[in-house]
């Protein structure tokens, strides 16, 4: 018996109906928070990977891989994309050591205001908690509603020259590979506090992502600790 002789299994995509992409009425959401943490979603993914493939499917992919790659837009850079306020920003992936759940920092005496918000526990270790919103001149409370997805605040653990910094972000998109040559100059309408930290802007899906100058950002974070 060949793979094409096996009857295909119908997969009920509940995540698109009653899950995070649907009306969010699924009773399991309270426990799992997101469909990707649910055993039903995991089982559907497993069955989807094991589904039989037909000749049309194989032919379509064969034609796809026959097309030569566009050498003019090589994805030669990698960045972690996150949101602060309403601004989608990115820093090089290699700077980050971990992603942790959001936690409120403990304030330090005589160190109110500025980028240093306090100290925070990440993985059992205390790290300085640095506010990118304060450093970049962004209103952290100013956030447009995100359609079709849940937003989860996170702590990003950044390491630079032997020092680790915990950076609170309002949302995390993930790792993005992009062509550095495709980055555009920042728009003149971007506030001056943020624009001086940007090396360019890249378009991804429906987002405009500001690429931060890693050296300048890290230098200013280290300076705020002095």
N, C-alpha and C. Protein backbone atom coordinates (compact mmCIF):
# COMPACT_ATOMS: atom_id res chain seq x y z
N UNK A 1 0.84 -1.19 0.00
CA UNK A 1 0.00 0.00 0.00
C UNK A 1 0.88 1.25 0.00
N UNK A 2 0.63 2.19 -0.88
CA UNK A 2 1.40 3.42 -0.95
C UNK A 2 0.77 4.49 -0.07
N UNK A 3 1.51 5.62 0.12
CA UNK A 3 0.99 6.71 0.94
C UNK A 3 -0.30 7.28 0.39
N UNK A 4 -0.43 7.28 -0.94
CA UNK A 4 -1.61 7.87 -1.55
C UNK A 4 -2.84 6.98 -1.42
N UNK A 5 -2.64 5.70 -0.97
CA UNK A 5 -3.78 4.81 -0.78
C UNK A 5 -4.43 4.99 0.59
N UNK A 6 -3.77 5.75 1.49
CA UNK A 6 -4.29 5.94 2.83
C UNK A 6 -5.30 7.07 2.81
N UNK A 7 -6.47 6.84 3.41
CA UNK A 7 -7.51 7.87 3.43
C UNK A 7 -7.04 9.05 4.27
N UNK A 8 -7.17 10.24 3.76
CA UNK A 8 -6.74 11.41 4.52
C UNK A 8 -7.58 11.61 5.78
N UNK A 9 -6.96 12.11 6.84
CA UNK A 9 -7.66 12.38 8.08
C UNK A 9 -8.12 13.83 8.10
N UNK A 10 -9.36 14.03 8.48
CA UNK A 10 -9.91 15.37 8.56
C UNK A 10 -9.43 16.01 9.86
N UNK A 11 -8.83 17.18 9.74
CA UNK A 11 -8.32 17.90 10.91
C UNK A 11 -9.26 19.06 11.20
N UNK A 12 -9.82 19.06 12.41
CA UNK A 12 -10.72 20.14 12.81
C UNK A 12 -9.87 21.28 13.37
N UNK A 13 -9.83 22.38 12.64
CA UNK A 13 -8.98 23.51 13.04
C UNK A 13 -9.70 24.39 14.06
N UNK A 14 -9.84 23.86 15.26
CA UNK A 14 -10.58 24.57 16.30
C UNK A 14 -9.93 25.90 16.68
N UNK A 15 -8.60 26.00 16.49
CA UNK A 15 -7.91 27.24 16.83
C UNK A 15 -8.37 28.41 15.96
N UNK A 16 -8.86 28.10 14.73
CA UNK A 16 -9.38 29.14 13.85
C UNK A 16 -10.85 29.44 14.10
N UNK A 17 -11.48 28.62 14.93
CA UNK A 17 -12.93 28.77 15.15
C UNK A 17 -13.24 29.26 16.57
N UNK A 18 -12.75 28.53 17.55
CA UNK A 18 -13.04 28.89 18.94
C UNK A 18 -11.77 29.23 19.72
N UNK A 19 -10.61 29.20 19.01
CA UNK A 19 -9.33 29.47 19.67
C UNK A 19 -8.90 30.92 19.54
N UNK A 20 -7.58 31.15 19.59
CA UNK A 20 -7.05 32.51 19.61
C UNK A 20 -7.32 33.27 18.32
N UNK A 21 -7.46 32.56 17.19
CA UNK A 21 -7.74 33.23 15.92
C UNK A 21 -9.24 33.32 15.68
N UNK A 22 -10.04 32.53 16.44
CA UNK A 22 -11.48 32.55 16.31
C UNK A 22 -12.14 33.46 17.33
N UNK A 23 -13.27 32.98 17.90
CA UNK A 23 -14.00 33.83 18.84
C UNK A 23 -13.53 33.67 20.28
N UNK A 24 -12.50 32.83 20.51
CA UNK A 24 -11.86 32.65 21.82
C UNK A 24 -12.83 32.13 22.88
N UNK A 25 -13.79 31.31 22.43
CA UNK A 25 -14.76 30.74 23.37
C UNK A 25 -14.35 29.37 23.90
N UNK A 26 -13.21 28.85 23.46
CA UNK A 26 -12.77 27.52 23.88
C UNK A 26 -12.51 27.49 25.39
N UNK A 27 -13.08 26.55 26.13
CA UNK A 27 -12.87 26.48 27.58
C UNK A 27 -11.45 26.13 27.97
N UNK A 28 -10.66 25.58 27.03
CA UNK A 28 -9.27 25.22 27.33
C UNK A 28 -8.34 26.43 27.36
N UNK A 29 -8.78 27.57 26.79
CA UNK A 29 -7.91 28.74 26.72
C UNK A 29 -7.52 29.27 28.09
N UNK A 30 -8.44 29.15 29.05
CA UNK A 30 -8.13 29.65 30.39
C UNK A 30 -6.93 28.95 30.99
N UNK A 31 -6.77 27.65 30.65
CA UNK A 31 -5.66 26.88 31.19
C UNK A 31 -4.41 27.00 30.33
N UNK A 32 -4.57 26.99 29.00
CA UNK A 32 -3.42 26.94 28.10
C UNK A 32 -2.95 28.32 27.63
N UNK A 33 -3.78 29.37 27.78
CA UNK A 33 -3.47 30.74 27.38
C UNK A 33 -3.43 30.88 25.86
N UNK A 34 -2.72 29.98 25.17
CA UNK A 34 -2.61 30.04 23.71
C UNK A 34 -2.80 28.64 23.14
N UNK A 35 -3.38 28.56 21.95
CA UNK A 35 -3.66 27.26 21.33
C UNK A 35 -2.41 26.42 21.13
N UNK A 36 -1.27 27.06 20.91
CA UNK A 36 -0.06 26.29 20.66
C UNK A 36 0.37 25.47 21.87
N UNK A 37 -0.18 25.79 23.07
CA UNK A 37 0.14 25.03 24.27
C UNK A 37 -0.85 23.89 24.52
N UNK A 38 -1.81 23.71 23.65
CA UNK A 38 -2.88 22.73 23.85
C UNK A 38 -2.54 21.41 23.16
N UNK A 39 -2.93 20.30 23.80
CA UNK A 39 -2.65 18.98 23.24
C UNK A 39 -3.45 18.72 21.96
N UNK A 40 -4.59 19.37 21.80
CA UNK A 40 -5.38 19.21 20.57
C UNK A 40 -4.63 19.81 19.39
N UNK A 41 -4.04 20.97 19.59
CA UNK A 41 -3.26 21.63 18.55
C UNK A 41 -2.03 20.80 18.19
N UNK A 42 -1.35 20.26 19.23
CA UNK A 42 -0.16 19.44 18.99
C UNK A 42 -0.51 18.17 18.23
N UNK A 43 -1.65 17.55 18.57
CA UNK A 43 -2.07 16.34 17.88
C UNK A 43 -2.41 16.63 16.42
N UNK A 44 -3.07 17.79 16.18
CA UNK A 44 -3.41 18.16 14.81
C UNK A 44 -2.15 18.40 13.99
N UNK A 45 -1.14 19.02 14.61
CA UNK A 45 0.12 19.26 13.90
C UNK A 45 0.79 17.94 13.54
N UNK A 46 0.77 16.98 14.46
CA UNK A 46 1.39 15.69 14.20
C UNK A 46 0.69 14.97 13.06
N UNK A 47 -0.64 14.99 13.06
CA UNK A 47 -1.40 14.32 12.01
C UNK A 47 -1.24 15.03 10.67
N UNK A 48 -1.07 16.35 10.72
CA UNK A 48 -0.87 17.11 9.49
C UNK A 48 0.46 16.75 8.84
N UNK A 49 1.50 16.54 9.67
CA UNK A 49 2.82 16.16 9.14
C UNK A 49 2.81 14.74 8.57
N UNK A 50 1.90 13.89 9.08
CA UNK A 50 1.85 12.50 8.64
C UNK A 50 0.83 12.26 7.53
N UNK A 51 0.20 13.32 7.05
CA UNK A 51 -0.83 13.15 6.05
C UNK A 51 -0.22 12.66 4.73
N UNK A 52 -0.95 11.88 3.96
CA UNK A 52 -0.44 11.42 2.67
C UNK A 52 -0.36 12.58 1.68
N UNK A 53 0.58 12.51 0.76
CA UNK A 53 0.72 13.56 -0.25
C UNK A 53 0.39 12.96 -1.62
N UNK A 54 -0.23 13.78 -2.44
CA UNK A 54 -0.60 13.29 -3.77
C UNK A 54 0.36 13.84 -4.83
N UNK A 55 0.14 13.44 -6.06
CA UNK A 55 1.04 13.82 -7.15
C UNK A 55 1.03 15.33 -7.38
N UNK A 56 -0.13 15.97 -7.24
CA UNK A 56 -0.22 17.41 -7.46
C UNK A 56 0.62 18.17 -6.44
N UNK A 57 0.59 17.69 -5.18
CA UNK A 57 1.37 18.33 -4.12
C UNK A 57 2.86 18.23 -4.42
N UNK A 58 3.31 17.04 -4.81
CA UNK A 58 4.73 16.86 -5.12
C UNK A 58 5.14 17.67 -6.34
N UNK A 59 4.25 17.75 -7.33
CA UNK A 59 4.56 18.51 -8.54
C UNK A 59 4.68 20.01 -8.22
N UNK A 60 3.77 20.52 -7.37
CA UNK A 60 3.79 21.94 -7.04
C UNK A 60 5.10 22.32 -6.33
N UNK A 61 5.54 21.46 -5.40
CA UNK A 61 6.77 21.77 -4.69
C UNK A 61 8.00 21.60 -5.59
N UNK A 62 7.94 20.65 -6.50
CA UNK A 62 9.05 20.47 -7.44
C UNK A 62 9.21 21.72 -8.30
N UNK A 63 8.08 22.29 -8.75
CA UNK A 63 8.14 23.52 -9.55
C UNK A 63 8.64 24.69 -8.71
N UNK A 64 8.24 24.71 -7.44
CA UNK A 64 8.68 25.79 -6.54
C UNK A 64 10.20 25.80 -6.40
N UNK A 65 10.80 24.63 -6.21
CA UNK A 65 12.25 24.57 -5.99
C UNK A 65 13.05 24.66 -7.28
N UNK A 66 12.38 24.60 -8.44
CA UNK A 66 13.09 24.81 -9.70
C UNK A 66 13.37 26.28 -9.95
N UNK A 67 12.60 27.16 -9.30
CA UNK A 67 12.75 28.59 -9.51
C UNK A 67 14.01 29.07 -8.80
N UNK A 68 14.88 29.74 -9.53
CA UNK A 68 16.13 30.25 -8.95
C UNK A 68 15.84 31.33 -7.92
N UNK A 69 16.61 31.31 -6.85
CA UNK A 69 16.44 32.32 -5.81
C UNK A 69 16.85 33.69 -6.31
N UNK A 70 16.20 34.71 -5.81
CA UNK A 70 16.53 36.08 -6.18
C UNK A 70 17.78 36.50 -5.43
N UNK A 71 18.91 36.55 -6.13
CA UNK A 71 20.18 36.87 -5.48
C UNK A 71 20.27 38.33 -5.05
N UNK A 72 19.33 39.14 -5.52
CA UNK A 72 19.38 40.55 -5.16
C UNK A 72 18.77 40.85 -3.81
N UNK A 73 18.16 39.88 -3.14
CA UNK A 73 17.52 40.11 -1.85
C UNK A 73 17.87 38.99 -0.89
N UNK A 74 19.16 38.77 -0.68
CA UNK A 74 19.60 37.72 0.21
C UNK A 74 19.31 38.10 1.66
N UNK A 75 18.70 37.17 2.40
CA UNK A 75 18.44 37.39 3.82
C UNK A 75 19.73 37.15 4.58
N UNK A 76 20.52 38.22 4.74
CA UNK A 76 21.85 38.09 5.33
C UNK A 76 21.94 38.57 6.77
N UNK A 77 20.80 39.00 7.34
CA UNK A 77 20.80 39.51 8.70
C UNK A 77 19.68 38.85 9.50
N UNK A 78 19.88 38.77 10.81
CA UNK A 78 18.89 38.17 11.70
C UNK A 78 18.68 39.08 12.90
N UNK A 79 17.43 39.32 13.24
CA UNK A 79 17.12 40.22 14.36
C UNK A 79 15.92 39.69 15.14
N UNK A 80 15.88 40.03 16.41
CA UNK A 80 14.72 39.70 17.26
C UNK A 80 13.80 40.91 17.24
N UNK A 81 12.56 40.69 16.85
CA UNK A 81 11.59 41.79 16.69
C UNK A 81 10.66 41.81 17.90
N UNK A 82 10.49 42.99 18.49
CA UNK A 82 9.66 43.16 19.67
C UNK A 82 8.97 44.52 19.60
N UNK A 83 8.03 44.72 20.50
CA UNK A 83 7.27 45.98 20.50
C UNK A 83 7.45 46.70 21.83
N UNK A 84 7.69 48.00 21.74
CA UNK A 84 7.72 48.90 22.90
C UNK A 84 6.71 50.00 22.61
N UNK A 85 5.67 50.12 23.45
CA UNK A 85 4.59 51.04 23.13
C UNK A 85 3.92 50.59 21.85
N UNK A 86 3.87 51.46 20.84
CA UNK A 86 3.32 51.06 19.54
C UNK A 86 4.41 50.85 18.50
N UNK A 87 5.68 50.95 18.90
CA UNK A 87 6.79 50.84 17.97
C UNK A 87 7.34 49.40 17.90
N UNK A 88 7.38 48.85 16.69
CA UNK A 88 8.04 47.55 16.47
C UNK A 88 9.52 47.82 16.21
N UNK A 89 10.37 47.18 17.00
CA UNK A 89 11.81 47.43 16.94
C UNK A 89 12.56 46.11 16.82
N UNK A 90 13.84 46.19 16.47
CA UNK A 90 14.64 44.98 16.31
C UNK A 90 16.08 45.24 16.73
N UNK A 91 16.69 44.21 17.33
CA UNK A 91 18.11 44.21 17.65
C UNK A 91 18.68 42.88 17.17
N UNK A 92 19.98 42.82 16.86
CA UNK A 92 20.57 41.58 16.36
C UNK A 92 20.31 40.39 17.29
N UNK A 93 19.96 39.26 16.70
CA UNK A 93 19.60 38.06 17.47
C UNK A 93 20.71 37.63 18.41
N UNK A 94 21.96 37.75 17.97
CA UNK A 94 23.06 37.23 18.77
C UNK A 94 23.26 37.97 20.09
N UNK A 95 22.62 39.12 20.28
CA UNK A 95 22.75 39.85 21.53
C UNK A 95 21.94 39.23 22.65
N UNK A 96 20.94 38.40 22.32
CA UNK A 96 19.99 37.94 23.32
C UNK A 96 20.35 36.56 23.84
N UNK A 97 20.27 36.43 25.18
CA UNK A 97 20.60 35.17 25.84
C UNK A 97 19.36 34.39 26.24
N UNK A 98 18.23 35.08 26.48
CA UNK A 98 17.03 34.38 26.95
C UNK A 98 15.82 35.29 26.79
N UNK A 99 14.65 34.64 26.78
CA UNK A 99 13.36 35.32 26.83
C UNK A 99 12.64 34.80 28.06
N UNK A 100 12.16 35.69 28.92
CA UNK A 100 11.53 35.29 30.18
C UNK A 100 10.16 35.94 30.31
N UNK A 101 9.30 35.37 31.18
CA UNK A 101 8.01 36.01 31.43
C UNK A 101 8.19 37.40 32.02
N UNK A 102 7.19 38.23 31.80
CA UNK A 102 7.25 39.60 32.33
C UNK A 102 7.24 39.57 33.86
N UNK A 103 8.02 40.44 34.47
CA UNK A 103 8.06 40.58 35.93
C UNK A 103 8.32 42.03 36.27
N UNK A 104 7.71 42.49 37.36
CA UNK A 104 7.92 43.87 37.77
C UNK A 104 9.26 44.01 38.47
N UNK A 105 10.02 45.04 38.15
CA UNK A 105 11.33 45.22 38.78
C UNK A 105 11.19 45.75 40.21
N UNK A 106 12.20 45.47 41.02
CA UNK A 106 12.29 46.04 42.36
C UNK A 106 13.09 47.34 42.27
N UNK A 107 12.49 48.42 42.73
CA UNK A 107 13.12 49.73 42.63
C UNK A 107 14.38 49.80 43.49
N UNK A 108 15.33 50.59 43.03
CA UNK A 108 16.57 50.81 43.77
C UNK A 108 16.52 52.18 44.44
N UNK A 109 17.00 52.29 45.67
CA UNK A 109 16.97 53.59 46.35
C UNK A 109 17.84 54.62 45.63
N UNK A 110 17.33 55.84 45.56
CA UNK A 110 18.05 56.98 44.98
C UNK A 110 18.34 56.79 43.48
N UNK A 111 17.60 55.89 42.80
CA UNK A 111 17.81 55.69 41.36
C UNK A 111 16.48 55.72 40.62
N UNK A 112 15.68 56.74 40.87
CA UNK A 112 14.39 56.86 40.20
C UNK A 112 14.55 57.63 38.90
N UNK A 113 13.75 57.30 37.92
CA UNK A 113 13.81 57.96 36.62
C UNK A 113 14.94 57.43 35.78
N UNK A 114 14.92 57.74 34.48
CA UNK A 114 15.96 57.27 33.58
C UNK A 114 15.73 55.84 33.14
N UNK A 115 16.64 55.33 32.32
CA UNK A 115 16.45 53.97 31.78
C UNK A 115 16.49 52.86 32.82
N UNK A 116 17.21 53.05 33.94
CA UNK A 116 17.31 52.01 34.96
C UNK A 116 16.04 51.99 35.80
N UNK A 117 15.24 50.90 35.66
CA UNK A 117 13.97 50.80 36.38
C UNK A 117 14.12 50.09 37.72
N UNK A 118 15.22 49.34 37.90
CA UNK A 118 15.41 48.57 39.12
C UNK A 118 16.13 47.28 38.80
N UNK A 119 15.91 46.28 39.63
CA UNK A 119 16.48 44.96 39.39
C UNK A 119 15.35 43.95 39.28
N UNK A 120 15.59 42.89 38.51
CA UNK A 120 14.56 41.89 38.29
C UNK A 120 15.20 40.51 38.26
N UNK A 121 14.44 39.52 38.71
CA UNK A 121 14.92 38.13 38.74
C UNK A 121 14.62 37.46 37.40
N UNK A 122 15.66 36.97 36.75
CA UNK A 122 15.50 36.21 35.51
C UNK A 122 16.28 34.91 35.66
N UNK A 123 15.58 33.79 35.71
CA UNK A 123 16.23 32.49 35.83
C UNK A 123 17.01 32.31 37.12
N UNK A 124 16.54 32.95 38.20
CA UNK A 124 17.21 32.81 39.48
C UNK A 124 18.34 33.77 39.71
N UNK A 125 18.61 34.69 38.77
CA UNK A 125 19.68 35.67 38.92
C UNK A 125 19.09 37.07 38.80
N UNK A 126 19.67 38.01 39.56
CA UNK A 126 19.23 39.39 39.52
C UNK A 126 19.97 40.15 38.42
N UNK A 127 19.20 40.89 37.63
CA UNK A 127 19.78 41.68 36.55
C UNK A 127 19.18 43.09 36.58
N UNK A 128 19.93 44.08 36.12
CA UNK A 128 19.35 45.43 36.01
C UNK A 128 18.24 45.42 34.96
N UNK A 129 17.13 46.03 35.33
CA UNK A 129 15.97 46.11 34.42
C UNK A 129 16.01 47.49 33.77
N UNK A 130 16.16 47.51 32.46
CA UNK A 130 16.35 48.75 31.72
C UNK A 130 15.13 49.06 30.85
N UNK A 131 14.68 50.29 30.89
CA UNK A 131 13.51 50.71 30.12
C UNK A 131 13.92 51.26 28.76
N UNK A 132 13.66 50.48 27.70
CA UNK A 132 13.91 51.00 26.36
C UNK A 132 12.99 52.16 26.04
N UNK A 133 11.78 52.15 26.61
CA UNK A 133 10.84 53.24 26.37
C UNK A 133 11.45 54.56 26.84
N UNK A 134 12.05 54.54 28.03
CA UNK A 134 12.68 55.75 28.56
C UNK A 134 13.89 56.16 27.73
N UNK A 135 14.70 55.19 27.35
CA UNK A 135 15.91 55.48 26.58
C UNK A 135 15.58 56.05 25.20
N UNK A 136 14.55 55.50 24.56
CA UNK A 136 14.24 55.87 23.18
C UNK A 136 13.18 56.96 23.06
N UNK A 137 12.65 57.41 24.19
CA UNK A 137 11.63 58.45 24.14
C UNK A 137 10.29 57.96 23.61
N UNK A 138 9.92 56.74 23.99
CA UNK A 138 8.66 56.14 23.54
C UNK A 138 7.67 56.10 24.70
N UNK A 139 6.42 56.42 24.45
CA UNK A 139 5.37 56.30 25.45
C UNK A 139 4.98 54.83 25.56
N UNK A 140 5.38 54.17 26.63
CA UNK A 140 5.13 52.73 26.78
C UNK A 140 3.64 52.42 26.88
N UNK A 141 2.83 53.39 27.31
CA UNK A 141 1.39 53.16 27.45
C UNK A 141 0.64 53.37 26.15
N UNK A 142 1.32 53.92 25.15
CA UNK A 142 0.68 54.21 23.87
C UNK A 142 0.82 53.00 22.96
N UNK A 143 -0.21 52.18 22.91
CA UNK A 143 -0.15 50.96 22.09
C UNK A 143 -1.44 50.78 21.33
N UNK A 144 -1.34 50.67 20.01
CA UNK A 144 -2.52 50.42 19.18
C UNK A 144 -2.99 48.99 19.39
N UNK A 145 -4.30 48.72 19.38
CA UNK A 145 -4.78 47.34 19.53
C UNK A 145 -4.28 46.46 18.40
N UNK A 146 -3.84 45.25 18.76
CA UNK A 146 -3.33 44.30 17.77
C UNK A 146 -4.46 43.36 17.37
N UNK A 147 -4.78 43.34 16.10
CA UNK A 147 -5.89 42.53 15.61
C UNK A 147 -5.44 41.10 15.32
N UNK A 148 -6.25 40.12 15.73
CA UNK A 148 -6.01 38.73 15.36
C UNK A 148 -4.92 38.03 16.13
N UNK A 149 -4.46 38.60 17.24
CA UNK A 149 -3.43 37.92 18.02
C UNK A 149 -3.45 38.43 19.45
N UNK A 150 -2.97 37.59 20.36
CA UNK A 150 -2.80 37.98 21.74
C UNK A 150 -1.45 38.65 21.89
N UNK A 151 -1.36 39.61 22.80
CA UNK A 151 -0.10 40.26 23.11
C UNK A 151 0.38 39.79 24.47
N UNK A 152 1.64 39.41 24.57
CA UNK A 152 2.20 38.93 25.81
C UNK A 152 3.47 39.72 26.12
N UNK A 153 3.46 40.45 27.24
CA UNK A 153 4.66 41.16 27.66
C UNK A 153 5.75 40.16 28.03
N UNK A 154 6.99 40.52 27.76
CA UNK A 154 8.12 39.62 28.02
C UNK A 154 9.29 40.43 28.59
N UNK A 155 10.25 39.69 29.14
CA UNK A 155 11.55 40.24 29.49
C UNK A 155 12.58 39.62 28.55
N UNK A 156 13.34 40.46 27.88
CA UNK A 156 14.41 39.99 27.01
C UNK A 156 15.74 40.17 27.74
N UNK A 157 16.53 39.12 27.83
CA UNK A 157 17.83 39.22 28.49
C UNK A 157 18.90 39.45 27.44
N UNK A 158 19.44 40.65 27.45
CA UNK A 158 20.46 41.07 26.47
C UNK A 158 21.83 41.05 27.14
N UNK A 159 22.84 40.55 26.43
CA UNK A 159 24.20 40.53 26.95
C UNK A 159 25.12 41.33 26.03
N UNK A 160 25.93 42.18 26.67
CA UNK A 160 26.86 43.02 25.90
C UNK A 160 28.10 43.28 26.75
N UNK A 161 29.25 42.88 26.22
CA UNK A 161 30.53 43.08 26.89
C UNK A 161 30.52 42.62 28.34
N UNK A 162 29.99 41.42 28.58
CA UNK A 162 30.01 40.82 29.90
C UNK A 162 28.92 41.28 30.85
N UNK A 163 28.08 42.22 30.42
CA UNK A 163 26.99 42.72 31.26
C UNK A 163 25.65 42.30 30.67
N UNK A 164 24.75 41.82 31.53
CA UNK A 164 23.42 41.42 31.10
C UNK A 164 22.40 42.49 31.50
N UNK A 165 21.44 42.73 30.63
CA UNK A 165 20.37 43.69 30.88
C UNK A 165 19.03 43.00 30.62
N UNK A 166 18.07 43.23 31.50
CA UNK A 166 16.71 42.74 31.28
C UNK A 166 15.88 43.87 30.68
N UNK A 167 15.29 43.61 29.51
CA UNK A 167 14.53 44.64 28.79
C UNK A 167 13.06 44.26 28.74
N UNK A 168 12.17 44.98 29.42
CA UNK A 168 10.73 44.70 29.31
C UNK A 168 10.21 45.14 27.94
N UNK A 169 9.43 44.28 27.29
CA UNK A 169 8.80 44.63 26.01
C UNK A 169 7.32 44.29 26.09
N UNK A 170 6.51 45.03 25.35
CA UNK A 170 5.06 44.83 25.39
C UNK A 170 4.62 43.60 24.61
N UNK A 171 5.40 43.20 23.61
CA UNK A 171 5.05 42.04 22.79
C UNK A 171 6.31 41.55 22.09
N UNK A 172 6.30 40.28 21.73
CA UNK A 172 7.46 39.68 21.07
C UNK A 172 6.99 39.01 19.79
N UNK A 173 7.53 39.45 18.66
CA UNK A 173 7.17 38.84 17.38
C UNK A 173 8.03 37.61 17.10
N UNK A 174 9.33 37.69 17.39
CA UNK A 174 10.23 36.56 17.17
C UNK A 174 11.40 36.96 16.29
N UNK A 175 12.11 35.94 15.81
CA UNK A 175 13.31 36.16 15.00
C UNK A 175 12.91 36.41 13.54
N UNK A 176 13.51 37.42 12.96
CA UNK A 176 13.23 37.78 11.56
C UNK A 176 14.54 37.80 10.79
N UNK A 177 14.60 37.05 9.70
CA UNK A 177 15.74 37.12 8.79
C UNK A 177 15.36 38.07 7.65
N UNK A 178 16.28 38.98 7.33
CA UNK A 178 15.97 40.00 6.33
C UNK A 178 17.24 40.40 5.58
N UNK A 179 17.05 41.07 4.47
CA UNK A 179 18.18 41.58 3.68
C UNK A 179 18.54 42.96 4.18
N UNK A 180 19.76 43.10 4.69
CA UNK A 180 20.18 44.39 5.24
C UNK A 180 20.12 45.49 4.17
N UNK A 181 20.39 45.13 2.92
CA UNK A 181 20.37 46.12 1.85
C UNK A 181 18.97 46.66 1.58
N UNK A 182 17.95 45.94 2.04
CA UNK A 182 16.56 46.36 1.79
C UNK A 182 16.06 47.35 2.83
N UNK A 183 16.85 47.61 3.87
CA UNK A 183 16.43 48.54 4.91
C UNK A 183 16.34 49.96 4.34
N UNK A 184 15.29 50.67 4.73
CA UNK A 184 15.07 52.03 4.27
C UNK A 184 15.45 53.03 5.36
N UNK A 185 15.66 54.26 4.96
CA UNK A 185 15.95 55.32 5.94
C UNK A 185 14.70 55.59 6.78
N UNK A 186 14.87 55.90 8.05
CA UNK A 186 13.71 56.20 8.90
C UNK A 186 12.93 57.40 8.37
N UNK A 187 11.62 57.37 8.55
CA UNK A 187 10.78 58.49 8.10
C UNK A 187 11.07 59.73 8.94
N UNK A 188 10.89 60.88 8.32
CA UNK A 188 11.14 62.15 9.01
C UNK A 188 10.16 62.39 10.14
N UNK A 189 9.02 61.69 10.13
CA UNK A 189 7.99 61.89 11.15
C UNK A 189 8.29 61.15 12.45
N UNK A 190 9.28 60.25 12.46
CA UNK A 190 9.62 59.52 13.68
C UNK A 190 10.23 60.50 14.69
N UNK A 191 9.84 60.35 15.97
CA UNK A 191 10.34 61.29 16.97
C UNK A 191 11.86 61.26 17.05
N UNK A 192 12.45 62.40 17.36
CA UNK A 192 13.91 62.56 17.30
C UNK A 192 14.61 61.66 18.32
N UNK A 193 13.95 61.43 19.48
CA UNK A 193 14.55 60.57 20.49
C UNK A 193 14.77 59.17 19.98
N UNK A 194 13.84 58.66 19.19
CA UNK A 194 13.96 57.32 18.63
C UNK A 194 14.81 57.30 17.37
N UNK A 195 14.65 58.29 16.50
CA UNK A 195 15.29 58.26 15.19
C UNK A 195 16.81 58.21 15.28
N UNK A 196 17.40 58.81 16.31
CA UNK A 196 18.86 58.81 16.40
C UNK A 196 19.41 57.44 16.76
N UNK A 197 18.53 56.53 17.23
CA UNK A 197 18.96 55.17 17.55
C UNK A 197 18.72 54.19 16.41
N UNK A 198 18.10 54.65 15.32
CA UNK A 198 17.74 53.75 14.23
C UNK A 198 18.79 53.76 13.12
N UNK A 199 19.07 52.57 12.59
CA UNK A 199 19.94 52.46 11.41
C UNK A 199 19.13 52.29 10.14
N UNK A 200 17.84 51.95 10.26
CA UNK A 200 16.99 51.76 9.11
C UNK A 200 15.65 51.17 9.52
N UNK A 201 14.77 51.03 8.55
CA UNK A 201 13.44 50.47 8.77
C UNK A 201 13.19 49.38 7.73
N UNK A 202 12.66 48.24 8.18
CA UNK A 202 12.34 47.16 7.26
C UNK A 202 10.85 46.85 7.35
N UNK A 203 10.26 46.50 6.22
CA UNK A 203 8.86 46.11 6.19
C UNK A 203 8.73 44.61 6.31
N UNK A 204 7.82 44.18 7.18
CA UNK A 204 7.57 42.74 7.35
C UNK A 204 6.10 42.56 7.65
N UNK A 205 5.40 41.76 6.80
CA UNK A 205 3.96 41.57 6.93
C UNK A 205 3.31 42.96 6.98
N UNK A 206 2.54 43.25 8.04
CA UNK A 206 1.90 44.57 8.12
C UNK A 206 2.64 45.49 9.09
N UNK A 207 3.91 45.16 9.39
CA UNK A 207 4.67 45.95 10.35
C UNK A 207 5.78 46.73 9.67
N UNK A 208 6.11 47.86 10.26
CA UNK A 208 7.30 48.62 9.91
C UNK A 208 8.23 48.52 11.11
N UNK A 209 9.33 47.83 10.95
CA UNK A 209 10.22 47.49 12.07
C UNK A 209 11.45 48.39 12.04
N UNK A 210 11.68 49.09 13.13
CA UNK A 210 12.86 49.95 13.24
C UNK A 210 14.05 49.16 13.72
N UNK A 211 15.13 49.14 12.92
CA UNK A 211 16.36 48.43 13.29
C UNK A 211 17.21 49.35 14.16
N UNK A 212 17.41 48.95 15.40
CA UNK A 212 18.15 49.77 16.34
C UNK A 212 19.65 49.62 16.15
N UNK A 213 20.37 50.69 16.39
CA UNK A 213 21.83 50.68 16.36
C UNK A 213 22.29 49.96 17.63
N UNK A 214 22.75 48.71 17.50
CA UNK A 214 23.06 47.87 18.66
C UNK A 214 24.15 48.49 19.53
N UNK A 215 25.21 48.98 18.90
CA UNK A 215 26.32 49.55 19.66
C UNK A 215 25.88 50.77 20.46
N UNK A 216 25.09 51.64 19.84
CA UNK A 216 24.65 52.85 20.52
C UNK A 216 23.69 52.53 21.66
N UNK A 217 22.73 51.62 21.41
CA UNK A 217 21.78 51.24 22.46
C UNK A 217 22.51 50.62 23.65
N UNK A 218 23.41 49.67 23.38
CA UNK A 218 24.12 48.99 24.46
C UNK A 218 25.03 49.95 25.23
N UNK A 219 25.66 50.87 24.51
CA UNK A 219 26.50 51.86 25.17
C UNK A 219 25.69 52.72 26.13
N UNK A 220 24.51 53.13 25.70
CA UNK A 220 23.67 53.97 26.54
C UNK A 220 23.11 53.19 27.73
N UNK A 221 22.81 51.89 27.54
CA UNK A 221 22.35 51.07 28.65
C UNK A 221 23.45 50.93 29.70
N UNK A 222 24.67 50.67 29.24
CA UNK A 222 25.79 50.54 30.17
C UNK A 222 26.06 51.87 30.89
N UNK A 223 25.92 52.96 30.17
CA UNK A 223 26.15 54.28 30.76
C UNK A 223 25.14 54.57 31.86
N UNK A 224 23.91 54.09 31.69
CA UNK A 224 22.85 54.34 32.68
C UNK A 224 23.11 53.62 34.00
N UNK A 225 23.98 52.63 34.01
CA UNK A 225 24.30 51.90 35.24
C UNK A 225 25.34 52.62 36.08
N UNK A 226 26.03 53.56 35.51
CA UNK A 226 27.12 54.22 36.25
C UNK A 226 26.59 55.15 37.34
